Amino acid sequence: MTEGPRSTPLRALHQLAGARLVDFAGWELPVQFAGIQVEHRIVRESVGLFDVSHMGRVSVRGAGAATFLDRLLPYDIQRLTTGRMAYTVLCNDAGGAVDDLAVYHLAADHYLLVINAARSVVDLAWIRSHQLRTAVPDVTIIESVGEAMIAVQGPDAEALVAGAVSPETRDLGFFCCLRTTSAYGDLLVSRSGYTGEDGFEIICPAQTVADLWTNLCAGGGRPAGLAARDTLRLEAGLCLYGNELSEQTTPLEAGLGWTLALDKGTEFPGRDALRHQRQAGVERRLVGLRLLAKGIPRAHQIVQKEGRAVGEVTSGTHSPVLNHGIAMAYVETGLAEAGQQLEISSRGRSLAAEVVALPFVPSRAKRRGKKKTSEEGGTRT
C-alpha cells in the first residue's frame, strides 16, 4: 500500500485558513492561500509567513565535525565562526550539485545542515558514505526530527519576530543565527531567506509551532504558499534545485563560484573537476532573461539566437513587481553578457528576450544598507 504525503504540524491551521494543499517532495504543503499575486505583494510590502517544516535538517556534532565538513563541502568551513551560517553546494565527484544547502555553526563542535526536502534521502546517503570514505574520528551525523520551521519574510519581518519571539533578534546580522528560550521552548532563529527580502527562519519544537504561527499571524504576518515563494525567489534570481541545479550542473555554471573554496588545502568531492572547469572555462552560463514581448516563459523552453538553439529556460514566470515575463536560463557563454538579444520558443511563438543582470528585483537587505558577504546566498524550498 502506497503511503500518502507527510503532514507538517501546521496542516490543520492551513486548512482553517483556506489553503490549497498539494503534494510537494512527499509533503502536503500549501501552494496558496489568498492567491499568488496577493501573497507575493504581501511579502514585498509587509510580511509573509511560510511553513518550511518539510526542509531536511542534519546535525553534525563532535570534535571532528569541522574537519569532516571541510572534507565534505567546497566551502571553507574554518572561516565560519560560531553564530554564523553560510550558503554552499554539496557536490559529487564530478563537481555536479547533489544539493544546495545552508550550514549553521551553532557551537564549537556542533553544525546544522538545512537541506532540500526532495533531496534529503540522497543527501543523507551521500554524507554518510563520505563519512566512511574520510574516516574522520568523533563525528556524529543525525537527521533532526520533532521540529518545525517557519520562514518570516518581508520588510516588516524584524518588528514581527522581535515582538513575537525575542527583542534580541533585532540585533541579529544577516546570515547570522542565535538560540533563544521563549514561550515556545528552545528556538533557533536565523536571519536570511529565499525571497530577496529581509527575513528570518525559526526552528522550534513541533508541539509549540501552532501557537507561534498563530501569534505571528495575530502580529500582522500573513500566510503565503509555495507558488508565491517561487515567484519571489525567481525575482530575486535565486536557484532552485531541480531547475537551475542538478547533479549534471556545476556551481560554476550556475554562477555560484563564490561559494567555492577551490584553493583550500583540503580535498573535497568535485574539487579537481571544478578546478579544471574553472581553468578551462564553462561552456554555458546561467543568465536572467527579460521578455520584450507579452508572454510567460516556462521551464524547458528553448532559447534561440536568430533561429539557432543556444540554451534552455530553467525557470520562468510573470513578475508581479516588474509586470513582465522573466526567466532564468542556461545559454552559451558567448551569449551570456547583459544586453544580448535572444528569443524564447513558446508554443509555436518566438518571444523576444534580453539578457539582464540578476537579480531582477534588488535585494531588500542591500537596500537597507546591510553589507553582503561571500558567505551569503539563499535558502531553499
Protein backbone atom coordinates (compact mmCIF):
# COMPACT_ATOMS: atom_id res chain seq x y z
CA MET A 1 0.00 0.00 0.00
CA THR A 2 1.38 3.40 -1.01
CA GLU A 3 1.70 5.92 1.78
CA GLY A 4 0.38 9.43 1.27
CA PRO A 5 2.37 12.63 1.69
CA ARG A 6 3.58 13.60 5.15
CA SER A 7 1.90 16.43 7.02
CA THR A 8 3.59 19.29 8.85
CA PRO A 9 2.42 20.24 12.38
CA LEU A 10 0.68 23.28 10.83
CA ARG A 11 -1.57 21.38 8.42
CA ALA A 12 -4.76 21.93 10.44
CA LEU A 13 -4.15 25.68 10.62
CA HIS A 14 -3.52 25.79 6.89
CA GLN A 15 -6.86 24.09 6.26
CA LEU A 16 -8.67 26.55 8.52
CA ALA A 17 -7.07 29.39 6.57
CA GLY A 18 -8.43 28.01 3.30
CA ALA A 19 -5.12 26.85 1.85
CA ARG A 20 -4.97 24.72 -1.27
CA LEU A 21 -2.71 21.81 -0.31
CA VAL A 22 -0.53 19.89 -2.75
CA ASP A 23 1.98 17.06 -2.61
CA PHE A 24 5.47 18.57 -2.75
CA ALA A 25 8.52 16.35 -2.29
CA GLY A 26 6.42 13.85 -0.32
CA TRP A 27 4.88 16.52 1.93
CA GLU A 28 1.39 18.00 1.93
CA LEU A 29 2.03 21.74 1.75
CA PRO A 30 0.02 24.89 0.98
CA VAL A 31 0.56 26.11 -2.58
CA GLN A 32 -1.53 29.23 -1.97
CA PHE A 33 -3.93 30.89 0.46
CA ALA A 34 -5.39 34.21 -0.77
CA GLY A 35 -3.73 33.90 -4.19
CA ILE A 36 -0.25 34.09 -5.70
CA GLN A 37 -0.30 37.78 -6.60
CA VAL A 38 -1.71 38.80 -3.22
CA GLU A 39 0.78 36.72 -1.26
CA HIS A 40 3.69 37.88 -3.42
CA ARG A 41 2.89 41.54 -2.75
CA ILE A 42 2.36 40.90 0.97
CA VAL A 43 5.95 39.67 1.22
CA ARG A 44 7.31 42.54 -0.88
CA GLU A 45 5.33 45.21 1.02
CA SER A 46 4.83 43.93 4.60
CA VAL A 47 5.45 40.41 5.94
CA GLY A 48 4.50 36.87 4.92
CA LEU A 49 4.77 33.51 6.69
CA PHE A 50 5.89 30.28 5.04
CA ASP A 51 5.67 26.80 6.53
CA VAL A 52 9.03 25.25 5.63
CA SER A 53 8.87 22.41 8.16
CA HIS A 54 9.43 19.96 5.31
CA MET A 55 13.04 21.00 4.84
CA GLY A 56 15.62 18.49 5.97
CA ARG A 57 17.84 19.20 8.96
CA VAL A 58 21.02 17.23 9.64
CA SER A 59 23.03 17.72 12.82
CA VAL A 60 26.81 17.19 12.62
CA ARG A 61 28.46 17.02 16.05
CA GLY A 62 31.72 16.06 17.65
CA ALA A 63 35.34 17.16 17.90
CA GLY A 64 35.84 16.10 14.27
CA ALA A 65 32.76 17.91 12.91
CA ALA A 66 34.63 20.88 11.39
CA THR A 67 37.28 18.63 9.84
CA PHE A 68 34.63 16.36 8.35
CA LEU A 69 32.60 19.23 6.87
CA ASP A 70 35.77 20.76 5.43
CA ARG A 71 36.30 17.47 3.57
CA LEU A 72 32.65 17.25 2.51
CA LEU A 73 31.80 20.78 1.37
CA PRO A 74 33.53 23.12 -1.11
CA TYR A 75 33.11 25.96 1.39
CA ASP A 76 36.00 26.88 3.71
CA ILE A 77 34.32 25.78 6.93
CA GLN A 78 37.20 27.13 9.04
CA ARG A 79 36.00 30.66 8.17
CA LEU A 80 32.54 30.05 9.62
CA THR A 81 32.56 31.40 13.18
CA THR A 82 30.06 30.37 15.83
CA GLY A 83 26.72 32.10 15.36
CA ARG A 84 27.06 32.44 11.59
CA MET A 85 25.66 30.48 8.67
CA ALA A 86 26.67 30.07 5.03
CA TYR A 87 25.14 29.02 1.73
CA THR A 88 27.04 26.40 -0.26
CA VAL A 89 26.68 23.42 -2.59
CA LEU A 90 27.11 19.73 -1.83
CA CYS A 91 28.99 18.32 -4.83
CA ASN A 92 29.56 14.88 -6.31
CA ASP A 93 32.94 13.68 -7.52
CA ALA A 94 32.35 15.18 -10.99
CA GLY A 95 31.59 18.61 -9.50
CA GLY A 96 27.84 18.36 -10.07
CA ALA A 97 25.41 19.66 -7.46
CA VAL A 98 23.99 16.94 -5.23
CA ASP A 99 22.12 19.73 -3.41
CA ASP A 100 22.44 23.31 -2.28
CA LEU A 101 22.20 23.92 1.45
CA ALA A 102 22.70 26.21 4.41
CA VAL A 103 25.25 25.31 7.08
CA TYR A 104 24.90 26.79 10.58
CA HIS A 105 27.74 26.91 13.10
CA LEU A 106 25.89 26.55 16.40
CA ALA A 107 28.70 25.74 18.84
CA ALA A 108 32.36 24.74 18.85
CA ASP A 109 31.58 21.12 17.93
CA HIS A 110 28.08 21.49 16.53
CA TYR A 111 26.90 22.31 12.99
CA LEU A 112 23.49 22.11 11.36
CA LEU A 113 22.82 21.48 7.66
CA VAL A 114 19.45 22.59 6.26
CA ILE A 115 18.80 20.75 3.01
CA ASN A 116 16.08 20.46 0.37
CA ALA A 117 13.21 18.12 1.21
CA ALA A 118 13.28 16.50 -2.23
CA ARG A 119 16.97 15.66 -1.79
CA SER A 120 17.06 14.66 1.88
CA VAL A 121 17.36 10.90 1.32
CA VAL A 122 20.04 11.32 -1.37
CA ASP A 123 21.91 13.91 0.69
CA LEU A 124 21.98 11.86 3.86
CA ALA A 125 23.20 8.77 1.99
CA TRP A 126 25.96 10.82 0.30
CA ILE A 127 27.01 12.45 3.56
CA ARG A 128 27.19 9.12 5.40
CA SER A 129 29.08 7.44 2.56
CA HIS A 130 31.59 10.28 2.64
CA GLN A 131 31.94 9.80 6.39
CA LEU A 132 33.07 6.24 5.67
CA ARG A 133 35.45 7.44 2.94
CA THR A 134 37.14 10.07 5.08
CA ALA A 135 37.10 8.12 8.37
CA VAL A 136 37.28 11.33 10.41
CA PRO A 137 37.03 10.31 14.08
CA ASP A 138 34.50 11.67 16.58
CA VAL A 139 31.73 12.74 14.19
CA THR A 140 28.05 12.04 14.79
CA ILE A 141 25.53 12.64 11.99
CA ILE A 142 21.86 12.69 12.98
CA GLU A 143 18.77 13.66 11.00
CA SER A 144 16.78 16.06 13.17
CA VAL A 145 13.14 15.16 13.89
CA GLY A 146 10.39 16.54 16.10
CA GLU A 147 10.87 20.11 14.88
CA ALA A 148 9.04 22.60 12.71
CA MET A 149 10.34 25.56 10.73
CA ILE A 150 8.76 28.89 9.78
CA ALA A 151 10.16 31.48 7.36
CA VAL A 152 9.13 35.08 8.13
CA GLN A 153 9.84 37.28 5.11
CA GLY A 154 9.29 40.92 4.24
CA PRO A 155 10.22 44.48 5.24
CA ASP A 156 8.22 44.15 8.48
CA ALA A 157 9.77 40.80 9.45
CA GLU A 158 12.18 42.26 12.02
CA ALA A 159 9.47 44.02 14.00
CA LEU A 160 7.20 40.97 13.92
CA VAL A 161 9.86 38.48 15.06
CA ALA A 162 11.24 40.83 17.72
CA GLY A 163 7.77 41.27 19.19
CA ALA A 164 6.61 37.66 18.97
CA VAL A 165 9.86 35.82 19.75
CA SER A 166 12.59 37.96 21.32
CA PRO A 167 13.81 41.58 21.13
CA GLU A 168 17.39 40.31 20.70
CA THR A 169 16.55 39.20 17.16
CA ARG A 170 16.62 42.90 16.12
CA ASP A 171 20.40 42.82 16.51
CA LEU A 172 20.85 39.60 14.54
CA GLY A 173 23.05 40.23 11.50
CA PHE A 174 22.29 38.95 8.04
CA PHE A 175 23.28 35.28 7.72
CA CYS A 176 23.71 35.01 11.48
CA CYS A 177 21.84 32.75 13.88
CA LEU A 178 21.12 32.54 17.60
CA ARG A 179 19.50 30.14 20.02
CA THR A 180 16.99 31.55 22.45
CA THR A 181 14.47 30.30 25.01
CA SER A 182 10.93 31.60 24.69
CA ALA A 183 7.33 30.78 25.49
CA TYR A 184 7.54 28.32 22.58
CA GLY A 185 10.52 26.45 24.01
CA ASP A 186 14.08 26.45 22.73
CA LEU A 187 14.28 28.11 19.32
CA LEU A 188 16.95 28.52 16.66
CA VAL A 189 16.49 31.83 14.81
CA SER A 190 18.46 32.78 11.69
CA ARG A 191 18.33 35.87 9.52
CA SER A 192 18.25 35.01 5.81
CA GLY A 193 15.64 33.92 3.32
CA TYR A 194 14.59 32.85 -0.14
CA THR A 195 12.63 35.86 -1.33
CA GLY A 196 15.09 38.73 -1.72
CA GLU A 197 13.55 40.41 1.32
CA ASP A 198 14.78 40.81 4.87
CA GLY A 199 13.61 37.85 6.90
CA PHE A 200 14.09 35.14 9.47
CA GLU A 201 13.77 31.37 9.83
CA ILE A 202 12.61 29.95 13.14
CA ILE A 203 13.19 26.30 14.04
CA CYS A 204 11.05 25.31 17.02
CA PRO A 205 9.53 22.24 18.70
CA ALA A 206 6.68 20.72 16.70
CA GLN A 207 4.44 20.85 19.79
CA THR A 208 4.55 24.65 20.02
CA VAL A 209 4.71 25.73 16.36
CA ALA A 210 0.93 26.16 16.05
CA ASP A 211 0.96 28.70 18.89
CA LEU A 212 3.92 30.51 17.34
CA TRP A 213 2.26 30.62 13.90
CA THR A 214 -1.00 31.89 15.43
CA ASN A 215 0.78 34.67 17.30
CA LEU A 216 2.79 35.67 14.23
CA CYS A 217 -0.48 35.95 12.31
CA ALA A 218 -2.01 37.99 15.15
CA GLY A 219 1.00 40.33 14.94
CA GLY A 220 0.40 41.05 11.26
CA GLY A 221 2.01 38.15 9.40
CA ARG A 222 0.00 36.72 6.51
CA PRO A 223 0.30 33.08 5.35
CA ALA A 224 1.90 32.51 1.94
CA GLY A 225 2.32 29.36 -0.10
CA LEU A 226 4.81 27.60 -2.34
CA ALA A 227 3.63 29.38 -5.50
CA ALA A 228 4.42 32.86 -4.17
CA ARG A 229 7.66 31.56 -2.72
CA ASP A 230 8.67 30.50 -6.22
CA THR A 231 7.80 33.82 -7.92
CA LEU A 232 9.60 35.70 -5.14
CA ARG A 233 12.80 33.64 -5.39
CA LEU A 234 12.77 33.96 -9.18
CA GLU A 235 12.54 37.77 -8.98
CA ALA A 236 15.46 37.54 -6.54
CA GLY A 237 17.48 35.44 -9.02
CA LEU A 238 17.90 32.52 -6.60
CA CYS A 239 18.49 28.94 -7.75
CA LEU A 240 16.00 26.14 -7.22
CA TYR A 241 17.32 22.59 -7.06
CA GLY A 242 15.90 20.54 -9.93
CA ASN A 243 15.64 23.66 -12.10
CA GLU A 244 18.89 25.65 -12.00
CA LEU A 245 20.86 22.97 -10.14
CA SER A 246 21.27 19.22 -10.67
CA GLU A 247 23.90 16.52 -10.47
CA GLN A 248 24.75 17.34 -14.09
CA THR A 249 25.17 21.07 -13.34
CA THR A 250 28.16 22.58 -11.55
CA PRO A 251 28.18 25.62 -9.23
CA LEU A 252 30.47 27.40 -11.71
CA GLU A 253 27.88 27.09 -14.49
CA ALA A 254 25.20 28.33 -12.08
CA GLY A 255 27.16 31.45 -11.15
CA LEU A 256 27.85 30.12 -7.66
CA GLY A 257 31.62 30.18 -7.88
CA TRP A 258 31.65 32.49 -4.84
CA THR A 259 30.51 29.52 -2.71
CA LEU A 260 33.62 27.52 -3.62
CA ALA A 261 36.99 27.48 -1.87
CA LEU A 262 38.78 25.60 -4.64
CA ASP A 263 42.23 26.54 -3.41
CA LYS A 264 41.86 25.45 0.20
CA GLY A 265 44.29 22.75 1.23
CA THR A 266 41.60 20.16 1.94
CA GLU A 267 40.34 17.66 -0.62
CA PHE A 268 36.56 17.52 -1.10
CA PRO A 269 34.26 15.85 -3.66
CA GLY A 270 34.48 17.51 -7.06
CA ARG A 271 37.50 19.73 -6.30
CA ASP A 272 39.67 18.53 -9.19
CA ALA A 273 36.79 18.63 -11.68
CA LEU A 274 35.81 22.14 -10.59
CA ARG A 275 39.40 23.38 -10.71
CA HIS A 276 39.70 22.07 -14.25
CA GLN A 277 36.42 23.71 -15.25
CA ARG A 278 37.46 27.00 -13.70
CA GLN A 279 40.70 26.93 -15.69
CA ALA A 280 39.11 25.82 -18.97
CA GLY A 281 36.04 27.99 -18.62
CA VAL A 282 32.39 26.95 -18.70
CA GLU A 283 30.59 26.31 -21.97
CA ARG A 284 27.25 27.60 -20.67
CA ARG A 285 26.17 30.07 -18.01
CA LEU A 286 23.05 30.80 -16.04
CA VAL A 287 21.55 34.17 -17.00
CA GLY A 288 18.48 36.27 -16.41
CA LEU A 289 16.13 36.94 -19.33
CA ARG A 290 13.65 39.80 -19.53
CA LEU A 291 10.85 39.29 -22.03
CA LEU A 292 10.43 42.13 -24.52
CA ALA A 293 7.11 40.70 -25.74
CA LYS A 294 3.92 39.70 -23.97
CA GLY A 295 4.10 36.14 -22.66
CA ILE A 296 5.14 33.92 -19.76
CA PRO A 297 8.31 31.84 -20.17
CA ARG A 298 8.34 28.33 -18.72
CA ALA A 299 10.98 25.77 -17.78
CA HIS A 300 12.42 23.65 -20.62
CA GLN A 301 11.52 26.11 -23.39
CA ILE A 302 14.33 26.52 -25.92
CA VAL A 303 16.36 29.73 -26.06
CA GLN A 304 17.41 30.74 -29.57
CA LYS A 305 19.64 33.24 -31.35
CA GLU A 306 18.46 34.02 -34.87
CA GLY A 307 16.70 30.66 -35.06
CA ARG A 308 19.60 28.59 -33.64
CA ALA A 309 19.12 26.79 -30.32
CA VAL A 310 21.61 28.25 -27.79
CA GLY A 311 20.14 27.27 -24.43
CA GLU A 312 17.15 26.31 -22.30
CA VAL A 313 14.91 28.04 -19.78
CA THR A 314 15.20 26.63 -16.26
CA SER A 315 12.55 28.78 -14.51
CA GLY A 316 10.08 31.35 -15.77
CA THR A 317 7.12 33.41 -14.59
CA HIS A 318 5.30 36.72 -14.87
CA SER A 319 6.91 39.13 -12.42
CA PRO A 320 4.25 40.77 -10.22
CA VAL A 321 6.65 43.61 -9.38
CA LEU A 322 8.04 44.28 -12.87
CA ASN A 323 4.82 43.36 -14.70
CA HIS A 324 6.52 41.42 -17.50
CA GLY A 325 7.84 37.93 -18.11
CA ILE A 326 11.18 36.90 -16.58
CA ALA A 327 13.22 33.73 -16.75
CA MET A 328 16.47 32.13 -15.78
CA ALA A 329 18.16 30.04 -18.46
CA TYR A 330 21.41 28.36 -19.36
CA VAL A 331 22.87 29.79 -22.57
CA GLU A 332 26.14 29.54 -24.43
CA THR A 333 28.83 31.50 -22.60
CA GLY A 334 29.42 33.77 -25.57
CA LEU A 335 25.80 34.97 -25.36
CA ALA A 336 25.67 35.44 -21.58
CA GLU A 337 26.50 39.15 -21.35
CA ALA A 338 23.81 41.63 -20.40
CA GLY A 339 22.16 43.24 -23.42
CA GLN A 340 22.28 40.17 -25.67
CA GLN A 341 19.09 39.86 -27.73
CA LEU A 342 17.68 36.32 -27.74
CA GLU A 343 14.36 34.56 -28.33
CA ILE A 344 12.38 32.02 -26.33
CA SER A 345 10.42 29.42 -28.28
CA SER A 346 6.97 29.24 -26.64
CA ARG A 347 4.07 27.23 -28.07
CA GLY A 348 4.97 27.92 -31.65
CA ARG A 349 5.80 31.57 -30.98
CA SER A 350 9.19 33.25 -30.71
CA LEU A 351 9.28 35.65 -27.75
CA ALA A 352 11.92 38.36 -27.87
CA ALA A 353 14.08 38.47 -24.73
CA GLU A 354 17.09 40.33 -23.43
CA VAL A 355 19.84 39.06 -21.14
CA VAL A 356 19.84 41.08 -17.90
CA ALA A 357 21.86 41.00 -14.69
CA LEU A 358 20.48 39.07 -11.73
CA PRO A 359 18.62 39.66 -9.51
CA PHE A 360 15.62 41.02 -11.38
CA VAL A 361 14.42 42.81 -8.21
CA PRO A 362 17.13 44.27 -5.93
CA SER A 363 17.71 42.55 -2.59
CA ARG A 364 15.90 44.24 0.30
CA ALA A 365 18.91 43.56 2.53
CA LYS A 366 21.08 45.61 0.18
CA ARG A 367 18.50 48.38 0.06
CA ARG A 368 18.64 48.50 3.85
CA GLY A 369 22.39 49.07 3.63
CA LYS A 370 23.49 45.74 5.08
CA LYS A 371 26.78 44.52 3.75
CA LYS A 372 26.51 41.21 1.94
CA THR A 373 29.43 38.82 2.43
CA SER A 374 30.59 35.91 0.33
CA GLU A 375 29.01 33.56 2.86
CA GLU A 376 25.53 34.73 1.97
CA GLY A 377 23.09 33.35 -0.52
CA GLY A 378 19.58 31.98 -0.46
CA THR A 379 17.94 29.18 1.48
CA ARG A 380 15.66 26.94 -0.45
CA THR A 381 12.26 25.47 -0.68
